[in-house]
Amino acid sequence: MDNVSSHSKPTRCQGGASGVNHVSELFPILGPTSCDDCGYCCLGIGSPVVIYARRPGFDGPHPYRPADLPPELAAEIDEHFSGLVRGQEPQETCLWHDPVTRRCKHHDFRPQVCRDYEI
């Protein structure tokens, strides 16, 4: 009978004398402690700021755009994305990612997803 169940705790590695329960005991997982010289969260995920783009023909108040978003940033987004929706934008890097500083150019106005998954 199989002695492994989905509710059991991990057991020691079988077949080895190391007594290691999990690979993280050998190689601790180190989380970042700051955003300095990083920017990886802004690469390869598209551009979350596309959620602030105005759809052509939509004249009402924007449901996601911050009320205090400066007009020049709103214009930059609208011009850059031209009616695209999330997932249709280029995926290489976020529009607001600064490759020199490796930080968000407009951190105070970043979308909620960027706030939810920050360090």
N, C-alpha and C. Protein backbone atom coordinates (compact mmCIF):
# COMPACT_ATOMS: atom_id res chain seq x y z
N MET A 1 0.85 -1.18 0.00
CA MET A 1 0.00 0.00 0.00
C MET A 1 0.89 1.24 0.00
N ASP A 2 0.47 2.21 -0.74
CA ASP A 2 1.22 3.45 -0.83
C ASP A 2 1.10 4.23 0.48
N ASN A 3 2.22 4.60 1.09
CA ASN A 3 2.17 5.30 2.37
C ASN A 3 2.26 6.81 2.21
N VAL A 4 2.10 7.34 1.00
CA VAL A 4 2.15 8.77 0.77
C VAL A 4 0.72 9.25 0.51
N SER A 5 0.32 10.26 1.26
CA SER A 5 -1.00 10.85 1.02
C SER A 5 -0.84 12.34 0.80
N SER A 6 -1.85 12.94 0.25
CA SER A 6 -1.78 14.39 0.00
C SER A 6 -1.80 15.19 1.29
N HIS A 7 -2.09 14.53 2.43
CA HIS A 7 -2.16 15.23 3.70
C HIS A 7 -0.94 14.96 4.57
N SER A 8 -0.01 14.17 4.09
CA SER A 8 1.13 13.83 4.93
C SER A 8 2.21 14.89 4.83
N LYS A 9 3.02 14.97 5.86
CA LYS A 9 4.15 15.89 5.88
C LYS A 9 5.27 15.29 5.05
N PRO A 10 6.15 16.14 4.47
CA PRO A 10 7.27 15.61 3.72
C PRO A 10 8.15 14.75 4.63
N THR A 11 8.64 13.69 4.08
CA THR A 11 9.54 12.82 4.84
C THR A 11 10.96 13.07 4.40
N ARG A 12 11.88 12.52 5.14
CA ARG A 12 13.28 12.66 4.76
C ARG A 12 13.52 12.02 3.40
N CYS A 13 14.48 12.55 2.67
CA CYS A 13 14.80 12.01 1.36
C CYS A 13 15.15 10.54 1.49
N GLN A 14 14.60 9.73 0.65
CA GLN A 14 14.88 8.31 0.65
C GLN A 14 16.10 8.05 -0.22
N GLY A 15 16.92 7.11 0.16
CA GLY A 15 18.05 6.72 -0.66
C GLY A 15 19.29 7.55 -0.44
N GLY A 16 19.29 8.47 0.46
CA GLY A 16 20.47 9.29 0.73
C GLY A 16 20.70 9.40 2.22
N ALA A 17 21.91 9.68 2.57
CA ALA A 17 22.24 9.76 4.00
C ALA A 17 22.28 11.20 4.49
N SER A 18 21.88 12.15 3.64
CA SER A 18 22.02 13.55 4.02
C SER A 18 21.02 13.98 5.08
N GLY A 19 19.86 13.34 5.13
CA GLY A 19 18.85 13.73 6.11
C GLY A 19 18.19 15.05 5.77
N VAL A 20 18.27 15.50 4.54
CA VAL A 20 17.69 16.77 4.11
C VAL A 20 16.22 16.55 3.79
N ASN A 21 15.36 17.38 4.36
CA ASN A 21 13.92 17.28 4.12
C ASN A 21 13.51 17.97 2.84
N HIS A 22 14.15 19.06 2.50
CA HIS A 22 13.74 19.87 1.36
C HIS A 22 14.96 20.58 0.80
N VAL A 23 14.97 20.82 -0.48
CA VAL A 23 16.10 21.48 -1.13
C VAL A 23 16.38 22.85 -0.51
N SER A 24 15.36 23.53 0.04
CA SER A 24 15.57 24.85 0.63
C SER A 24 16.45 24.79 1.88
N GLU A 25 16.61 23.59 2.45
CA GLU A 25 17.53 23.46 3.57
C GLU A 25 18.97 23.54 3.10
N LEU A 26 19.22 23.11 1.89
CA LEU A 26 20.56 23.22 1.31
C LEU A 26 20.80 24.58 0.68
N PHE A 27 19.76 25.09 0.01
CA PHE A 27 19.86 26.34 -0.71
C PHE A 27 18.72 27.25 -0.26
N PRO A 28 18.94 28.07 0.75
CA PRO A 28 17.87 28.93 1.24
C PRO A 28 17.36 29.87 0.15
N ILE A 29 16.07 30.12 0.17
CA ILE A 29 15.46 31.04 -0.78
C ILE A 29 15.60 32.44 -0.21
N LEU A 30 16.33 33.25 -0.93
CA LEU A 30 16.58 34.62 -0.47
C LEU A 30 15.70 35.58 -1.26
N GLY A 31 14.86 36.28 -0.58
CA GLY A 31 14.00 37.26 -1.22
C GLY A 31 14.72 38.58 -1.37
N PRO A 32 14.34 39.38 -2.37
CA PRO A 32 14.95 40.70 -2.49
C PRO A 32 14.54 41.57 -1.31
N THR A 33 15.40 42.47 -0.94
CA THR A 33 15.10 43.37 0.17
C THR A 33 14.83 44.79 -0.30
N SER A 34 15.10 45.07 -1.57
CA SER A 34 14.79 46.39 -2.12
C SER A 34 14.67 46.28 -3.64
N CYS A 35 14.21 47.34 -4.25
CA CYS A 35 14.07 47.39 -5.70
C CYS A 35 15.34 47.91 -6.37
N ASP A 36 16.33 48.29 -5.58
CA ASP A 36 17.55 48.87 -6.13
C ASP A 36 18.20 47.94 -7.14
N ASP A 37 18.50 48.48 -8.31
CA ASP A 37 19.20 47.78 -9.37
C ASP A 37 18.50 46.47 -9.76
N CYS A 38 17.18 46.48 -9.78
CA CYS A 38 16.44 45.27 -10.11
C CYS A 38 15.58 45.54 -11.35
N GLY A 39 14.29 45.79 -11.16
CA GLY A 39 13.38 46.07 -12.27
C GLY A 39 12.85 44.84 -12.97
N TYR A 40 13.17 43.65 -12.46
CA TYR A 40 12.72 42.44 -13.14
C TYR A 40 11.20 42.30 -13.17
N CYS A 41 10.51 42.89 -12.22
CA CYS A 41 9.04 42.80 -12.23
C CYS A 41 8.43 43.59 -13.38
N CYS A 42 9.21 44.45 -14.01
CA CYS A 42 8.72 45.27 -15.11
C CYS A 42 9.08 44.69 -16.48
N LEU A 43 9.76 43.55 -16.50
CA LEU A 43 10.22 42.97 -17.75
C LEU A 43 9.48 41.68 -18.07
N GLY A 44 9.11 41.53 -19.31
CA GLY A 44 8.51 40.29 -19.78
C GLY A 44 7.08 40.05 -19.33
N ILE A 45 6.43 41.07 -18.80
CA ILE A 45 5.05 40.89 -18.33
C ILE A 45 4.08 41.82 -19.05
N GLY A 46 4.55 42.45 -20.10
CA GLY A 46 3.71 43.43 -20.77
C GLY A 46 3.79 44.76 -20.06
N SER A 47 2.73 45.51 -20.15
CA SER A 47 2.70 46.84 -19.58
C SER A 47 1.39 47.04 -18.82
N PRO A 48 1.40 46.78 -17.52
CA PRO A 48 0.16 46.92 -16.75
C PRO A 48 -0.52 48.28 -16.89
N VAL A 49 0.23 49.33 -17.24
CA VAL A 49 -0.38 50.65 -17.37
C VAL A 49 -1.36 50.72 -18.53
N VAL A 50 -1.38 49.70 -19.40
CA VAL A 50 -2.35 49.68 -20.49
C VAL A 50 -3.78 49.73 -19.94
N ILE A 51 -3.95 49.31 -18.71
CA ILE A 51 -5.29 49.34 -18.09
C ILE A 51 -5.81 50.78 -17.96
N TYR A 52 -4.90 51.75 -18.00
CA TYR A 52 -5.30 53.16 -17.93
C TYR A 52 -5.64 53.74 -19.30
N ALA A 53 -5.44 52.98 -20.37
CA ALA A 53 -5.67 53.50 -21.72
C ALA A 53 -7.17 53.70 -21.97
N ARG A 54 -7.47 54.79 -22.65
CA ARG A 54 -8.86 55.08 -23.02
C ARG A 54 -9.19 54.33 -24.30
N ARG A 55 -10.33 53.67 -24.30
CA ARG A 55 -10.79 52.96 -25.49
C ARG A 55 -11.42 53.95 -26.45
N PRO A 56 -11.15 53.82 -27.74
CA PRO A 56 -11.76 54.73 -28.72
C PRO A 56 -13.29 54.66 -28.62
N GLY A 57 -13.90 55.83 -28.63
CA GLY A 57 -15.35 55.90 -28.59
C GLY A 57 -15.95 55.89 -27.19
N PHE A 58 -15.11 55.72 -26.16
CA PHE A 58 -15.60 55.71 -24.78
C PHE A 58 -15.42 57.10 -24.21
N ASP A 59 -16.52 57.75 -23.82
CA ASP A 59 -16.45 59.14 -23.37
C ASP A 59 -16.68 59.34 -21.87
N GLY A 60 -17.10 58.31 -21.16
CA GLY A 60 -17.39 58.46 -19.74
C GLY A 60 -16.12 58.49 -18.91
N PRO A 61 -16.27 58.60 -17.59
CA PRO A 61 -15.09 58.57 -16.72
C PRO A 61 -14.41 57.20 -16.82
N HIS A 62 -13.10 57.22 -16.83
CA HIS A 62 -12.34 55.97 -16.96
C HIS A 62 -12.45 55.17 -15.66
N PRO A 63 -12.80 53.90 -15.73
CA PRO A 63 -13.02 53.12 -14.51
C PRO A 63 -11.76 52.80 -13.71
N TYR A 64 -10.58 52.84 -14.34
CA TYR A 64 -9.35 52.45 -13.65
C TYR A 64 -8.31 53.55 -13.56
N ARG A 65 -8.42 54.54 -14.38
CA ARG A 65 -7.42 55.61 -14.42
C ARG A 65 -7.53 56.47 -13.16
N PRO A 66 -6.42 56.65 -12.45
CA PRO A 66 -6.47 57.49 -11.24
C PRO A 66 -6.92 58.91 -11.58
N ALA A 67 -7.75 59.47 -10.73
CA ALA A 67 -8.27 60.82 -10.96
C ALA A 67 -7.16 61.86 -11.02
N ASP A 68 -6.06 61.61 -10.29
CA ASP A 68 -4.97 62.58 -10.25
C ASP A 68 -3.84 62.25 -11.24
N LEU A 69 -4.08 61.32 -12.18
CA LEU A 69 -3.07 61.00 -13.19
C LEU A 69 -2.84 62.24 -14.05
N PRO A 70 -1.60 62.72 -14.11
CA PRO A 70 -1.33 63.93 -14.90
C PRO A 70 -1.74 63.74 -16.37
N PRO A 71 -2.31 64.77 -16.96
CA PRO A 71 -2.78 64.68 -18.35
C PRO A 71 -1.70 64.22 -19.33
N GLU A 72 -0.44 64.62 -19.10
CA GLU A 72 0.62 64.20 -20.03
C GLU A 72 0.88 62.69 -19.95
N LEU A 73 0.71 62.09 -18.77
CA LEU A 73 0.87 60.64 -18.64
C LEU A 73 -0.31 59.92 -19.29
N ALA A 74 -1.51 60.44 -19.10
CA ALA A 74 -2.69 59.86 -19.74
C ALA A 74 -2.55 59.92 -21.25
N ALA A 75 -2.06 61.03 -21.78
CA ALA A 75 -1.87 61.18 -23.22
C ALA A 75 -0.81 60.21 -23.73
N GLU A 76 0.28 60.04 -22.97
CA GLU A 76 1.33 59.10 -23.35
C GLU A 76 0.77 57.68 -23.47
N ILE A 77 -0.02 57.29 -22.49
CA ILE A 77 -0.62 55.95 -22.48
C ILE A 77 -1.58 55.79 -23.66
N ASP A 78 -2.47 56.75 -23.85
CA ASP A 78 -3.44 56.67 -24.94
C ASP A 78 -2.75 56.61 -26.30
N GLU A 79 -1.71 57.40 -26.47
CA GLU A 79 -0.99 57.41 -27.75
C GLU A 79 -0.22 56.10 -27.96
N HIS A 80 0.40 55.63 -26.92
CA HIS A 80 1.25 54.42 -27.04
C HIS A 80 0.42 53.16 -27.30
N PHE A 81 -0.73 53.05 -26.67
CA PHE A 81 -1.50 51.81 -26.76
C PHE A 81 -2.65 51.86 -27.76
N SER A 82 -3.06 53.02 -28.22
CA SER A 82 -4.04 53.17 -29.29
C SER A 82 -5.19 52.16 -29.24
N GLY A 83 -5.84 52.03 -28.11
CA GLY A 83 -7.02 51.18 -28.00
C GLY A 83 -6.75 49.71 -27.69
N LEU A 84 -5.50 49.34 -27.46
CA LEU A 84 -5.21 47.95 -27.09
C LEU A 84 -5.75 47.66 -25.69
N VAL A 85 -6.02 46.42 -25.42
CA VAL A 85 -6.42 46.00 -24.08
C VAL A 85 -5.32 45.12 -23.51
N ARG A 86 -5.38 44.87 -22.20
CA ARG A 86 -4.36 44.07 -21.52
C ARG A 86 -4.18 42.73 -22.22
N GLY A 87 -2.92 42.40 -22.49
CA GLY A 87 -2.58 41.18 -23.18
C GLY A 87 -2.25 41.40 -24.65
N GLN A 88 -2.70 42.53 -25.20
CA GLN A 88 -2.41 42.85 -26.60
C GLN A 88 -1.17 43.74 -26.73
N GLU A 89 -0.74 44.31 -25.63
CA GLU A 89 0.40 45.23 -25.67
C GLU A 89 1.71 44.44 -25.81
N PRO A 90 2.79 45.10 -26.29
CA PRO A 90 4.09 44.42 -26.36
C PRO A 90 4.48 43.88 -24.97
N GLN A 91 5.04 42.68 -24.93
CA GLN A 91 5.31 42.01 -23.66
C GLN A 91 6.72 42.21 -23.12
N GLU A 92 7.62 42.81 -23.87
CA GLU A 92 9.02 42.89 -23.46
C GLU A 92 9.25 43.67 -22.17
N THR A 93 8.69 44.85 -22.10
CA THR A 93 8.92 45.71 -20.94
C THR A 93 7.74 46.66 -20.75
N CYS A 94 7.55 47.09 -19.53
CA CYS A 94 6.49 48.06 -19.24
C CYS A 94 6.84 49.42 -19.83
N LEU A 95 5.84 50.12 -20.31
CA LEU A 95 6.02 51.46 -20.86
C LEU A 95 6.73 52.38 -19.86
N TRP A 96 6.46 52.22 -18.60
CA TRP A 96 7.01 53.11 -17.58
C TRP A 96 8.32 52.62 -16.96
N HIS A 97 8.86 51.51 -17.43
CA HIS A 97 10.13 51.01 -16.89
C HIS A 97 11.28 51.83 -17.44
N ASP A 98 12.12 52.33 -16.55
CA ASP A 98 13.30 53.08 -16.94
C ASP A 98 14.48 52.11 -16.96
N PRO A 99 15.05 51.80 -18.12
CA PRO A 99 16.13 50.82 -18.18
C PRO A 99 17.44 51.30 -17.55
N VAL A 100 17.59 52.60 -17.37
CA VAL A 100 18.81 53.11 -16.75
C VAL A 100 18.74 52.97 -15.23
N THR A 101 17.66 53.44 -14.64
CA THR A 101 17.52 53.37 -13.17
C THR A 101 16.95 52.02 -12.73
N ARG A 102 16.37 51.28 -13.69
CA ARG A 102 15.72 49.99 -13.42
C ARG A 102 14.59 50.13 -12.41
N ARG A 103 13.87 51.21 -12.55
CA ARG A 103 12.73 51.52 -11.68
C ARG A 103 11.57 52.05 -12.51
N CYS A 104 10.43 52.14 -11.89
CA CYS A 104 9.25 52.71 -12.54
C CYS A 104 9.41 54.23 -12.65
N LYS A 105 9.16 54.75 -13.83
CA LYS A 105 9.28 56.20 -14.05
C LYS A 105 8.22 56.98 -13.29
N HIS A 106 7.08 56.35 -13.05
CA HIS A 106 5.94 57.05 -12.44
C HIS A 106 5.38 56.20 -11.31
N HIS A 107 6.22 55.87 -10.38
CA HIS A 107 5.90 54.94 -9.29
C HIS A 107 4.64 55.33 -8.53
N ASP A 108 4.42 56.60 -8.32
CA ASP A 108 3.24 57.05 -7.56
C ASP A 108 1.92 56.74 -8.27
N PHE A 109 1.98 56.52 -9.58
CA PHE A 109 0.75 56.28 -10.36
C PHE A 109 0.67 54.85 -10.89
N ARG A 110 1.51 53.95 -10.39
CA ARG A 110 1.54 52.58 -10.90
C ARG A 110 0.19 51.89 -10.67
N PRO A 111 -0.15 50.95 -11.54
CA PRO A 111 -1.42 50.23 -11.40
C PRO A 111 -1.46 49.35 -10.14
N GLN A 112 -2.64 48.93 -9.79
CA GLN A 112 -2.83 48.14 -8.57
C GLN A 112 -2.02 46.85 -8.58
N VAL A 113 -1.93 46.18 -9.72
CA VAL A 113 -1.16 44.93 -9.77
C VAL A 113 0.30 45.18 -9.39
N CYS A 114 0.84 46.31 -9.75
CA CYS A 114 2.22 46.64 -9.38
C CYS A 114 2.33 46.93 -7.88
N ARG A 115 1.29 47.45 -7.29
CA ARG A 115 1.26 47.70 -5.85
C ARG A 115 1.11 46.39 -5.08
N ASP A 116 0.30 45.50 -5.63
CA ASP A 116 0.03 44.22 -4.94
C ASP A 116 1.25 43.32 -4.88
N TYR A 117 2.12 43.39 -5.88
CA TYR A 117 3.26 42.48 -5.97
C TYR A 117 4.60 43.18 -5.82
N GLU A 118 4.61 44.28 -5.11
CA GLU A 118 5.89 44.94 -4.89
C GLU A 118 6.63 44.29 -3.71
N ILE A 119 7.87 44.69 -3.56
CA ILE A 119 8.67 44.14 -2.45
C ILE A 119 8.21 44.77 -1.17
